């Protein structure tokens, strides 16, 4: 009995399937690691709330790997990633995010940023939702030089809430 030798075409097909399998595996690994890193940078993508017996609503944020409180809120019903910033007077929204969220530019103002004085525009968020916490008519600023789709959750929202930090968690409380 003689063994059949593989032909060039079957060798080519075999090598092609091997390359495709490795590319698929590599693609799956990249996709998985991107999700893993995004979860490390924003561990609060799904905010959950607890309703207390006295009617208060508590939403807890977990500190990100970088030490900030980052999460995903709903602004006028649309998801938006934010970073909590007690140093920001208002909710600061990048121009790109403002367009996506349907925020309109009002009066031109000057704001103090980490990079110095910048022009910005007053705006207003009709509804900002953090888990089950709902804030209405929240003062905001549209800041053109704010990076990408970034939103800084400033004191115009936070001063409507109580907050309590313990270890790596920050609890927002609406009464």
N, C-alpha and C. Protein backbone atom coordinates (compact mmCIF):
# COMPACT_ATOMS: atom_id res chain seq x y z
N UNK A 1 0.81 -1.18 0.00
CA UNK A 1 0.00 0.00 0.00
C UNK A 1 0.86 1.25 0.00
N UNK A 2 0.48 2.15 -0.82
CA UNK A 2 1.22 3.41 -0.87
C UNK A 2 0.37 4.52 -0.29
N UNK A 3 1.04 5.37 0.44
CA UNK A 3 0.34 6.53 1.00
C UNK A 3 0.22 7.59 -0.06
N UNK A 4 -0.93 8.24 -0.01
CA UNK A 4 -1.17 9.33 -0.95
C UNK A 4 -0.45 10.58 -0.46
N UNK A 5 0.34 11.18 -1.29
CA UNK A 5 1.05 12.40 -0.95
C UNK A 5 0.11 13.60 -1.14
N UNK A 6 0.14 14.58 -0.21
CA UNK A 6 -0.71 15.75 -0.39
C UNK A 6 -0.29 16.54 -1.62
N UNK A 7 -1.26 17.07 -2.29
CA UNK A 7 -0.97 17.89 -3.47
C UNK A 7 -0.70 19.31 -3.02
N UNK A 8 -0.19 20.11 -3.95
CA UNK A 8 0.10 21.50 -3.63
C UNK A 8 -1.16 22.25 -3.23
N UNK A 9 -2.27 21.95 -3.87
CA UNK A 9 -3.50 22.68 -3.56
C UNK A 9 -4.02 22.33 -2.16
N UNK A 10 -3.91 21.08 -1.75
CA UNK A 10 -4.37 20.73 -0.40
C UNK A 10 -3.44 21.31 0.66
N UNK A 11 -2.14 21.37 0.36
CA UNK A 11 -1.21 22.02 1.29
C UNK A 11 -1.53 23.50 1.41
N UNK A 12 -1.84 24.14 0.30
CA UNK A 12 -2.16 25.56 0.28
C UNK A 12 -3.43 25.82 1.10
N UNK A 13 -4.45 24.98 0.92
CA UNK A 13 -5.70 25.13 1.66
C UNK A 13 -5.45 24.94 3.16
N UNK A 14 -4.66 23.95 3.51
CA UNK A 14 -4.34 23.69 4.92
C UNK A 14 -3.61 24.86 5.55
N UNK A 15 -2.62 25.41 4.85
CA UNK A 15 -1.87 26.56 5.38
C UNK A 15 -2.79 27.79 5.49
N UNK A 16 -3.68 27.96 4.51
CA UNK A 16 -4.60 29.09 4.54
C UNK A 16 -5.52 29.02 5.76
N UNK A 17 -6.06 27.82 6.02
CA UNK A 17 -6.92 27.66 7.19
C UNK A 17 -6.15 27.89 8.49
N UNK A 18 -4.91 27.49 8.53
CA UNK A 18 -4.09 27.72 9.72
C UNK A 18 -3.88 29.21 9.95
N UNK A 19 -3.56 29.94 8.89
CA UNK A 19 -3.36 31.39 9.00
C UNK A 19 -4.66 32.06 9.44
N UNK A 20 -5.78 31.68 8.85
CA UNK A 20 -7.08 32.25 9.20
C UNK A 20 -7.41 31.97 10.66
N UNK A 21 -7.15 30.75 11.12
CA UNK A 21 -7.42 30.39 12.51
C UNK A 21 -6.58 31.25 13.46
N UNK A 22 -5.30 31.46 13.14
CA UNK A 22 -4.44 32.30 13.98
C UNK A 22 -4.91 33.75 13.98
N UNK A 23 -5.32 34.26 12.83
CA UNK A 23 -5.82 35.63 12.75
C UNK A 23 -7.10 35.79 13.57
N UNK A 24 -7.99 34.82 13.49
CA UNK A 24 -9.22 34.87 14.29
C UNK A 24 -8.90 34.84 15.78
N UNK A 25 -7.97 33.98 16.18
CA UNK A 25 -7.57 33.90 17.58
C UNK A 25 -6.96 35.23 18.04
N UNK A 26 -6.10 35.81 17.23
CA UNK A 26 -5.49 37.09 17.55
C UNK A 26 -6.56 38.17 17.67
N UNK A 27 -7.50 38.21 16.73
CA UNK A 27 -8.60 39.18 16.77
C UNK A 27 -9.44 39.04 18.03
N UNK A 28 -9.76 37.80 18.41
CA UNK A 28 -10.53 37.57 19.64
C UNK A 28 -9.76 38.02 20.88
N UNK A 29 -8.46 37.78 20.91
CA UNK A 29 -7.66 38.22 22.05
C UNK A 29 -7.62 39.75 22.14
N UNK A 30 -7.44 40.43 21.02
CA UNK A 30 -7.43 41.90 21.01
C UNK A 30 -8.78 42.42 21.50
N UNK A 31 -9.88 41.85 20.99
CA UNK A 31 -11.22 42.27 21.39
C UNK A 31 -11.41 42.07 22.89
N UNK A 32 -11.00 40.91 23.42
CA UNK A 32 -11.16 40.63 24.83
C UNK A 32 -10.35 41.60 25.69
N UNK A 33 -9.08 41.85 25.32
CA UNK A 33 -8.23 42.75 26.10
C UNK A 33 -8.74 44.18 26.06
N UNK A 34 -9.30 44.62 24.93
CA UNK A 34 -9.86 45.97 24.87
C UNK A 34 -11.02 46.10 25.84
N UNK A 35 -11.88 45.10 25.88
CA UNK A 35 -12.99 45.11 26.84
C UNK A 35 -12.49 45.09 28.27
N UNK A 36 -11.47 44.29 28.53
CA UNK A 36 -10.89 44.20 29.87
C UNK A 36 -10.32 45.55 30.29
N UNK A 37 -9.56 46.20 29.40
CA UNK A 37 -8.96 47.50 29.73
C UNK A 37 -10.04 48.57 29.90
N UNK A 38 -11.08 48.52 29.06
CA UNK A 38 -12.17 49.50 29.20
C UNK A 38 -12.85 49.32 30.56
N UNK A 39 -13.04 48.08 31.00
CA UNK A 39 -13.64 47.84 32.32
C UNK A 39 -12.73 48.33 33.44
N UNK A 40 -11.42 48.27 33.26
CA UNK A 40 -10.49 48.78 34.26
C UNK A 40 -10.57 50.31 34.34
N UNK A 41 -10.72 50.96 33.18
CA UNK A 41 -10.78 52.42 33.14
C UNK A 41 -12.16 52.95 33.52
N UNK A 42 -13.21 52.19 33.26
CA UNK A 42 -14.57 52.59 33.61
C UNK A 42 -15.29 51.40 34.24
N UNK A 43 -15.07 51.20 35.54
CA UNK A 43 -15.71 50.06 36.20
C UNK A 43 -17.19 50.27 36.49
N UNK A 44 -17.71 51.46 36.15
CA UNK A 44 -19.10 51.80 36.47
C UNK A 44 -19.92 52.02 35.22
N UNK A 45 -19.80 51.12 34.26
CA UNK A 45 -20.53 51.27 33.00
C UNK A 45 -22.02 51.05 33.20
N UNK A 46 -22.38 50.21 34.13
CA UNK A 46 -23.78 49.96 34.47
C UNK A 46 -23.98 50.39 35.92
N UNK A 47 -24.58 51.55 36.13
CA UNK A 47 -24.79 52.04 37.48
C UNK A 47 -26.05 51.43 38.07
N UNK A 48 -25.92 50.92 39.28
CA UNK A 48 -27.04 50.30 39.97
C UNK A 48 -27.34 51.12 41.22
N UNK A 49 -28.60 51.22 41.54
CA UNK A 49 -29.03 52.01 42.69
C UNK A 49 -29.80 51.15 43.68
N UNK A 50 -29.78 51.61 44.92
CA UNK A 50 -30.55 50.99 46.00
C UNK A 50 -31.51 52.05 46.53
N UNK A 51 -32.76 51.67 46.70
CA UNK A 51 -33.77 52.57 47.24
C UNK A 51 -33.90 52.29 48.74
N UNK A 52 -33.70 53.35 49.56
CA UNK A 52 -33.78 53.19 51.00
C UNK A 52 -35.20 53.29 51.53
N UNK A 53 -35.38 52.93 52.78
CA UNK A 53 -36.70 52.93 53.39
C UNK A 53 -37.25 54.34 53.59
N UNK A 54 -36.38 55.34 53.63
CA UNK A 54 -36.82 56.72 53.81
C UNK A 54 -36.94 57.45 52.46
N UNK A 55 -36.91 56.70 51.37
CA UNK A 55 -37.10 57.29 50.05
C UNK A 55 -35.82 57.73 49.36
N UNK A 56 -34.69 57.61 50.02
CA UNK A 56 -33.42 58.02 49.40
C UNK A 56 -33.00 56.99 48.35
N UNK A 57 -32.23 57.49 47.39
CA UNK A 57 -31.68 56.62 46.34
C UNK A 57 -30.16 56.69 46.46
N UNK A 58 -29.52 55.53 46.48
CA UNK A 58 -28.05 55.45 46.61
C UNK A 58 -27.47 54.75 45.38
N UNK A 59 -26.52 55.44 44.76
CA UNK A 59 -25.79 54.87 43.63
C UNK A 59 -24.31 54.87 44.02
N UNK A 60 -23.68 53.71 43.95
CA UNK A 60 -22.28 53.59 44.37
C UNK A 60 -21.37 53.45 43.16
N UNK A 61 -20.30 54.25 43.18
CA UNK A 61 -19.26 54.19 42.14
C UNK A 61 -18.02 53.53 42.72
N UNK A 62 -17.38 52.69 41.93
CA UNK A 62 -16.12 52.06 42.30
C UNK A 62 -15.00 52.86 41.66
N UNK A 63 -13.94 53.10 42.41
CA UNK A 63 -12.80 53.87 41.88
C UNK A 63 -12.14 53.10 40.75
N UNK A 64 -11.77 53.81 39.70
CA UNK A 64 -11.11 53.18 38.55
C UNK A 64 -9.67 52.86 38.90
N UNK A 65 -9.03 52.14 38.02
CA UNK A 65 -7.64 51.74 38.21
C UNK A 65 -6.73 52.96 38.34
N UNK A 66 -7.10 54.07 37.67
CA UNK A 66 -6.29 55.29 37.71
C UNK A 66 -6.59 56.14 38.94
N UNK A 67 -7.55 55.71 39.78
CA UNK A 67 -7.85 56.43 41.01
C UNK A 67 -8.99 57.42 40.90
N UNK A 68 -9.65 57.50 39.75
CA UNK A 68 -10.76 58.43 39.56
C UNK A 68 -12.08 57.68 39.63
N UNK A 69 -13.13 58.45 39.83
CA UNK A 69 -14.47 57.88 39.76
C UNK A 69 -15.02 58.18 38.37
N UNK A 70 -15.08 57.14 37.58
CA UNK A 70 -15.50 57.23 36.19
C UNK A 70 -16.71 56.32 36.03
N UNK A 71 -17.66 56.75 35.21
CA UNK A 71 -18.84 55.93 35.00
C UNK A 71 -19.56 56.32 33.73
N UNK A 72 -20.69 55.68 33.52
CA UNK A 72 -21.53 55.99 32.37
C UNK A 72 -22.88 56.45 32.90
N UNK A 73 -23.24 57.68 32.54
CA UNK A 73 -24.52 58.26 32.93
C UNK A 73 -25.41 58.32 31.70
N UNK A 74 -26.66 58.68 31.92
CA UNK A 74 -27.54 59.00 30.81
C UNK A 74 -27.77 60.51 30.84
N UNK A 75 -27.46 61.16 29.74
CA UNK A 75 -27.69 62.59 29.62
C UNK A 75 -28.73 62.78 28.54
N UNK A 76 -29.87 63.32 28.96
CA UNK A 76 -31.01 63.46 28.05
C UNK A 76 -31.33 62.14 27.37
N UNK A 77 -31.18 61.04 28.12
CA UNK A 77 -31.51 59.71 27.64
C UNK A 77 -30.42 59.00 26.87
N UNK A 78 -29.29 59.66 26.63
CA UNK A 78 -28.20 59.05 25.87
C UNK A 78 -27.02 58.71 26.78
N UNK A 79 -26.37 57.56 26.59
CA UNK A 79 -25.23 57.19 27.44
C UNK A 79 -24.04 58.10 27.19
N UNK A 80 -23.38 58.47 28.28
CA UNK A 80 -22.20 59.33 28.19
C UNK A 80 -21.25 58.98 29.33
N UNK A 81 -19.99 58.75 29.00
CA UNK A 81 -18.98 58.47 30.02
C UNK A 81 -18.59 59.78 30.70
N UNK A 82 -18.42 59.72 32.00
CA UNK A 82 -18.06 60.90 32.78
C UNK A 82 -16.95 60.58 33.75
N UNK A 83 -16.30 61.64 34.22
CA UNK A 83 -15.36 61.55 35.34
C UNK A 83 -15.84 62.54 36.38
N UNK A 84 -15.97 62.09 37.60
CA UNK A 84 -16.41 62.95 38.69
C UNK A 84 -15.32 63.96 38.98
N UNK A 85 -15.68 65.25 39.05
CA UNK A 85 -14.69 66.31 39.25
C UNK A 85 -15.27 67.37 40.19
N UNK A 86 -14.93 67.27 41.47
CA UNK A 86 -15.44 68.24 42.44
C UNK A 86 -14.83 69.62 42.24
N UNK A 87 -13.78 69.73 41.43
CA UNK A 87 -13.17 71.02 41.14
C UNK A 87 -13.84 71.77 40.01
N UNK A 88 -14.75 71.11 39.30
CA UNK A 88 -15.46 71.76 38.19
C UNK A 88 -16.74 72.39 38.74
N UNK A 89 -16.95 73.66 38.43
CA UNK A 89 -18.13 74.37 38.91
C UNK A 89 -19.40 73.81 38.31
N UNK A 90 -19.37 73.52 37.03
CA UNK A 90 -20.54 72.97 36.35
C UNK A 90 -20.18 71.62 35.74
N UNK A 91 -21.15 70.97 35.17
CA UNK A 91 -20.87 69.78 34.37
C UNK A 91 -20.22 70.30 33.09
N UNK A 92 -18.99 69.89 32.82
CA UNK A 92 -18.25 70.35 31.65
C UNK A 92 -18.34 69.28 30.56
N UNK A 93 -18.75 69.72 29.38
CA UNK A 93 -19.00 68.79 28.28
C UNK A 93 -18.15 69.23 27.09
N UNK A 94 -17.49 68.28 26.45
CA UNK A 94 -16.72 68.61 25.25
C UNK A 94 -17.68 69.01 24.14
N UNK A 95 -17.19 69.75 23.18
CA UNK A 95 -18.04 70.20 22.07
C UNK A 95 -18.58 69.01 21.28
N UNK A 96 -17.74 68.01 21.08
CA UNK A 96 -18.15 66.81 20.36
C UNK A 96 -19.28 66.08 21.10
N UNK A 97 -19.14 65.94 22.42
CA UNK A 97 -20.18 65.28 23.21
C UNK A 97 -21.45 66.12 23.22
N UNK A 98 -21.31 67.44 23.29
CA UNK A 98 -22.49 68.32 23.30
C UNK A 98 -23.31 68.14 22.03
N UNK A 99 -22.64 68.04 20.90
CA UNK A 99 -23.36 67.82 19.63
C UNK A 99 -24.11 66.49 19.67
N UNK A 100 -23.43 65.44 20.13
CA UNK A 100 -24.03 64.11 20.18
C UNK A 100 -25.21 64.07 21.15
N UNK A 101 -25.13 64.83 22.23
CA UNK A 101 -26.17 64.82 23.26
C UNK A 101 -27.27 65.85 23.00
N UNK A 102 -27.11 66.65 21.96
CA UNK A 102 -28.13 67.65 21.61
C UNK A 102 -28.15 68.86 22.52
N UNK A 103 -27.00 69.19 23.13
CA UNK A 103 -26.92 70.37 23.99
C UNK A 103 -26.65 71.60 23.14
N UNK A 104 -27.35 72.67 23.42
CA UNK A 104 -27.17 73.89 22.63
C UNK A 104 -26.28 74.88 23.38
N UNK A 105 -25.58 75.68 22.60
CA UNK A 105 -24.70 76.70 23.15
C UNK A 105 -25.51 77.93 23.52
N UNK A 106 -25.28 78.40 24.73
CA UNK A 106 -25.91 79.62 25.19
C UNK A 106 -24.90 80.75 25.20
N UNK A 107 -24.92 81.53 26.26
CA UNK A 107 -24.03 82.68 26.42
C UNK A 107 -22.57 82.24 26.47
N UNK A 108 -21.73 83.01 25.78
CA UNK A 108 -20.29 82.73 25.80
C UNK A 108 -19.73 83.19 27.14
N UNK A 109 -18.89 82.35 27.74
CA UNK A 109 -18.26 82.65 29.03
C UNK A 109 -16.79 82.25 28.97
N UNK A 110 -16.05 82.64 29.98
CA UNK A 110 -14.67 82.17 30.12
C UNK A 110 -14.60 81.28 31.35
N UNK A 111 -13.89 80.17 31.21
CA UNK A 111 -13.74 79.22 32.31
C UNK A 111 -12.26 78.97 32.58
N UNK A 112 -11.97 78.62 33.80
CA UNK A 112 -10.60 78.28 34.17
C UNK A 112 -10.45 76.77 34.10
N UNK A 113 -9.54 76.29 33.26
CA UNK A 113 -9.29 74.86 33.12
C UNK A 113 -7.89 74.55 33.60
N UNK A 114 -7.54 73.29 33.57
CA UNK A 114 -6.18 72.89 33.95
C UNK A 114 -5.15 73.50 33.00
N UNK A 115 -5.58 73.83 31.78
CA UNK A 115 -4.68 74.44 30.79
C UNK A 115 -4.78 75.95 30.77
N UNK A 116 -5.47 76.54 31.73
CA UNK A 116 -5.62 78.00 31.78
C UNK A 116 -7.03 78.43 31.40
N UNK A 117 -7.17 79.71 31.08
CA UNK A 117 -8.47 80.29 30.75
C UNK A 117 -8.88 79.85 29.35
N UNK A 118 -10.17 79.48 29.21
CA UNK A 118 -10.68 79.04 27.91
C UNK A 118 -12.08 79.61 27.71
N UNK A 119 -12.44 79.79 26.45
CA UNK A 119 -13.80 80.18 26.11
C UNK A 119 -14.69 78.96 26.21
N UNK A 120 -15.92 79.17 26.64
CA UNK A 120 -16.91 78.10 26.75
C UNK A 120 -18.28 78.72 26.56
N UNK A 121 -19.30 77.89 26.53
CA UNK A 121 -20.67 78.36 26.38
C UNK A 121 -21.52 77.73 27.46
N UNK A 122 -22.42 78.53 28.02
CA UNK A 122 -23.39 78.00 28.98
C UNK A 122 -24.34 77.06 28.25
N UNK A 123 -24.78 76.04 28.97
CA UNK A 123 -25.76 75.12 28.43
C UNK A 123 -26.55 74.54 29.60
N UNK A 124 -27.50 73.70 29.28
CA UNK A 124 -28.29 73.08 30.33
C UNK A 124 -28.64 71.66 29.92
N UNK A 125 -28.50 70.75 30.87
CA UNK A 125 -28.86 69.35 30.66
C UNK A 125 -30.27 69.19 31.21
N UNK A 126 -31.21 68.77 30.38
CA UNK A 126 -32.59 68.59 30.83
C UNK A 126 -32.68 67.50 31.89
N UNK A 127 -32.02 66.36 31.65
CA UNK A 127 -32.03 65.28 32.64
C UNK A 127 -30.70 64.53 32.63
N UNK A 128 -30.14 64.39 33.82
CA UNK A 128 -28.90 63.62 34.00
C UNK A 128 -29.25 62.48 34.94
N UNK A 129 -28.97 61.26 34.50
CA UNK A 129 -29.35 60.08 35.28
C UNK A 129 -28.11 59.28 35.65
N UNK A 130 -27.97 59.00 36.95
CA UNK A 130 -26.89 58.18 37.51
C UNK A 130 -27.55 57.00 38.20
N UNK A 131 -27.65 55.88 37.50
CA UNK A 131 -28.45 54.78 38.03
C UNK A 131 -29.89 55.25 38.08
N UNK A 132 -30.52 55.15 39.25
CA UNK A 132 -31.90 55.62 39.42
C UNK A 132 -31.97 57.07 39.89
N UNK A 133 -30.84 57.69 40.17
CA UNK A 133 -30.82 59.10 40.55
C UNK A 133 -31.06 59.93 39.29
N UNK A 134 -32.04 60.82 39.38
CA UNK A 134 -32.36 61.70 38.25
C UNK A 134 -32.25 63.15 38.69
N UNK A 135 -31.44 63.89 37.96
CA UNK A 135 -31.28 65.33 38.21
C UNK A 135 -31.83 66.06 36.99
N UNK A 136 -32.57 67.13 37.24
CA UNK A 136 -33.18 67.88 36.14
C UNK A 136 -32.66 69.30 36.10
N UNK A 137 -32.62 69.85 34.89
CA UNK A 137 -32.20 71.23 34.67
C UNK A 137 -30.83 71.50 35.30
N UNK A 138 -29.85 70.71 34.90
CA UNK A 138 -28.49 70.80 35.45
C UNK A 138 -27.67 71.76 34.58
N UNK A 139 -27.09 72.76 35.24
CA UNK A 139 -26.25 73.73 34.54
C UNK A 139 -25.01 73.02 33.99
N UNK A 140 -24.67 73.37 32.76
CA UNK A 140 -23.50 72.76 32.11
C UNK A 140 -22.73 73.81 31.34
N UNK A 141 -21.51 73.48 30.98
CA UNK A 141 -20.67 74.32 30.13
C UNK A 141 -20.16 73.46 28.99
N UNK A 142 -20.22 74.01 27.80
CA UNK A 142 -19.64 73.35 26.63
C UNK A 142 -18.26 73.93 26.45
N UNK A 143 -17.24 73.09 26.62
CA UNK A 143 -15.85 73.53 26.60
C UNK A 143 -15.16 72.91 25.39
N UNK A 144 -14.86 73.73 24.36
CA UNK A 144 -14.32 73.17 23.11
C UNK A 144 -13.00 72.41 23.26
N UNK A 145 -12.10 72.85 24.16
CA UNK A 145 -10.79 72.19 24.24
C UNK A 145 -10.79 71.00 25.20
N UNK A 146 -11.95 70.60 25.68
CA UNK A 146 -12.06 69.41 26.50
C UNK A 146 -11.95 68.21 25.58
N UNK A 147 -11.11 67.26 25.92
CA UNK A 147 -10.78 66.16 25.02
C UNK A 147 -11.95 65.27 24.62
N UNK A 148 -12.07 65.00 23.34
CA UNK A 148 -12.96 63.98 22.80
C UNK A 148 -14.40 64.08 23.25
N UNK A 149 -14.91 62.98 23.78
CA UNK A 149 -16.30 62.94 24.22
C UNK A 149 -16.38 63.03 25.73
N UNK A 150 -15.36 63.58 26.34
CA UNK A 150 -15.25 63.60 27.79
C UNK A 150 -16.28 64.52 28.43
N UNK A 151 -16.77 64.09 29.61
CA UNK A 151 -17.69 64.88 30.41
C UNK A 151 -17.16 64.88 31.84
N UNK A 152 -17.03 66.07 32.41
CA UNK A 152 -16.63 66.19 33.80
C UNK A 152 -17.88 66.47 34.62
N UNK A 153 -18.19 65.57 35.53
CA UNK A 153 -19.38 65.72 36.36
C UNK A 153 -19.03 66.65 37.51
N UNK A 154 -19.37 67.92 37.35
CA UNK A 154 -18.99 68.95 38.31
C UNK A 154 -20.05 69.22 39.35
N UNK A 155 -19.82 70.30 40.09
CA UNK A 155 -20.63 70.61 41.26
C UNK A 155 -22.06 71.03 40.94
N UNK A 156 -22.36 71.48 39.73
CA UNK A 156 -23.75 71.82 39.42
C UNK A 156 -24.64 70.58 39.51
N UNK A 157 -24.07 69.41 39.36
CA UNK A 157 -24.81 68.16 39.57
C UNK A 157 -24.58 67.65 40.98
N UNK A 158 -23.33 67.65 41.42
CA UNK A 158 -22.99 67.03 42.71
C UNK A 158 -23.56 67.78 43.90
N UNK A 159 -23.79 69.11 43.76
CA UNK A 159 -24.31 69.85 44.91
C UNK A 159 -25.79 69.53 45.17
N UNK A 160 -26.42 68.76 44.29
CA UNK A 160 -27.79 68.31 44.50
C UNK A 160 -27.83 66.96 45.22
N UNK A 161 -26.65 66.44 45.51
CA UNK A 161 -26.54 65.11 46.11
C UNK A 161 -25.69 65.16 47.36
N UNK A 162 -25.85 64.16 48.19
CA UNK A 162 -24.88 63.92 49.26
C UNK A 162 -23.93 62.86 48.72
N UNK A 163 -22.69 62.91 49.14
CA UNK A 163 -21.80 61.82 48.75
C UNK A 163 -20.90 61.45 49.89
N UNK A 164 -20.55 60.17 49.90
CA UNK A 164 -19.81 59.57 50.99
C UNK A 164 -18.78 58.63 50.40
N UNK A 165 -17.51 58.86 50.73
CA UNK A 165 -16.44 57.99 50.22
C UNK A 165 -15.94 57.08 51.33
N UNK A 166 -15.82 55.82 50.99
CA UNK A 166 -15.27 54.84 51.93
C UNK A 166 -14.45 53.85 51.13
N UNK A 167 -13.18 53.72 51.49
CA UNK A 167 -12.24 52.85 50.77
C UNK A 167 -12.24 53.25 49.29
N UNK A 168 -12.54 52.33 48.40
CA UNK A 168 -12.51 52.60 46.95
C UNK A 168 -13.90 52.79 46.37
N UNK A 169 -14.83 53.22 47.20
CA UNK A 169 -16.20 53.42 46.73
C UNK A 169 -16.71 54.79 47.12
N UNK A 170 -17.49 55.38 46.23
CA UNK A 170 -18.12 56.66 46.48
C UNK A 170 -19.62 56.44 46.30
N UNK A 171 -20.39 56.74 47.34
CA UNK A 171 -21.83 56.58 47.26
C UNK A 171 -22.47 57.94 47.09
N UNK A 172 -23.28 58.06 46.03
CA UNK A 172 -24.05 59.27 45.76
C UNK A 172 -25.45 59.03 46.33
N UNK A 173 -25.98 60.01 47.07
CA UNK A 173 -27.27 59.84 47.73
C UNK A 173 -28.19 60.99 47.33
N UNK A 174 -29.36 60.64 46.83
CA UNK A 174 -30.39 61.63 46.52
C UNK A 174 -31.53 61.43 47.51
N UNK A 175 -31.88 62.49 48.22
CA UNK A 175 -32.97 62.40 49.20
C UNK A 175 -34.22 63.03 48.64
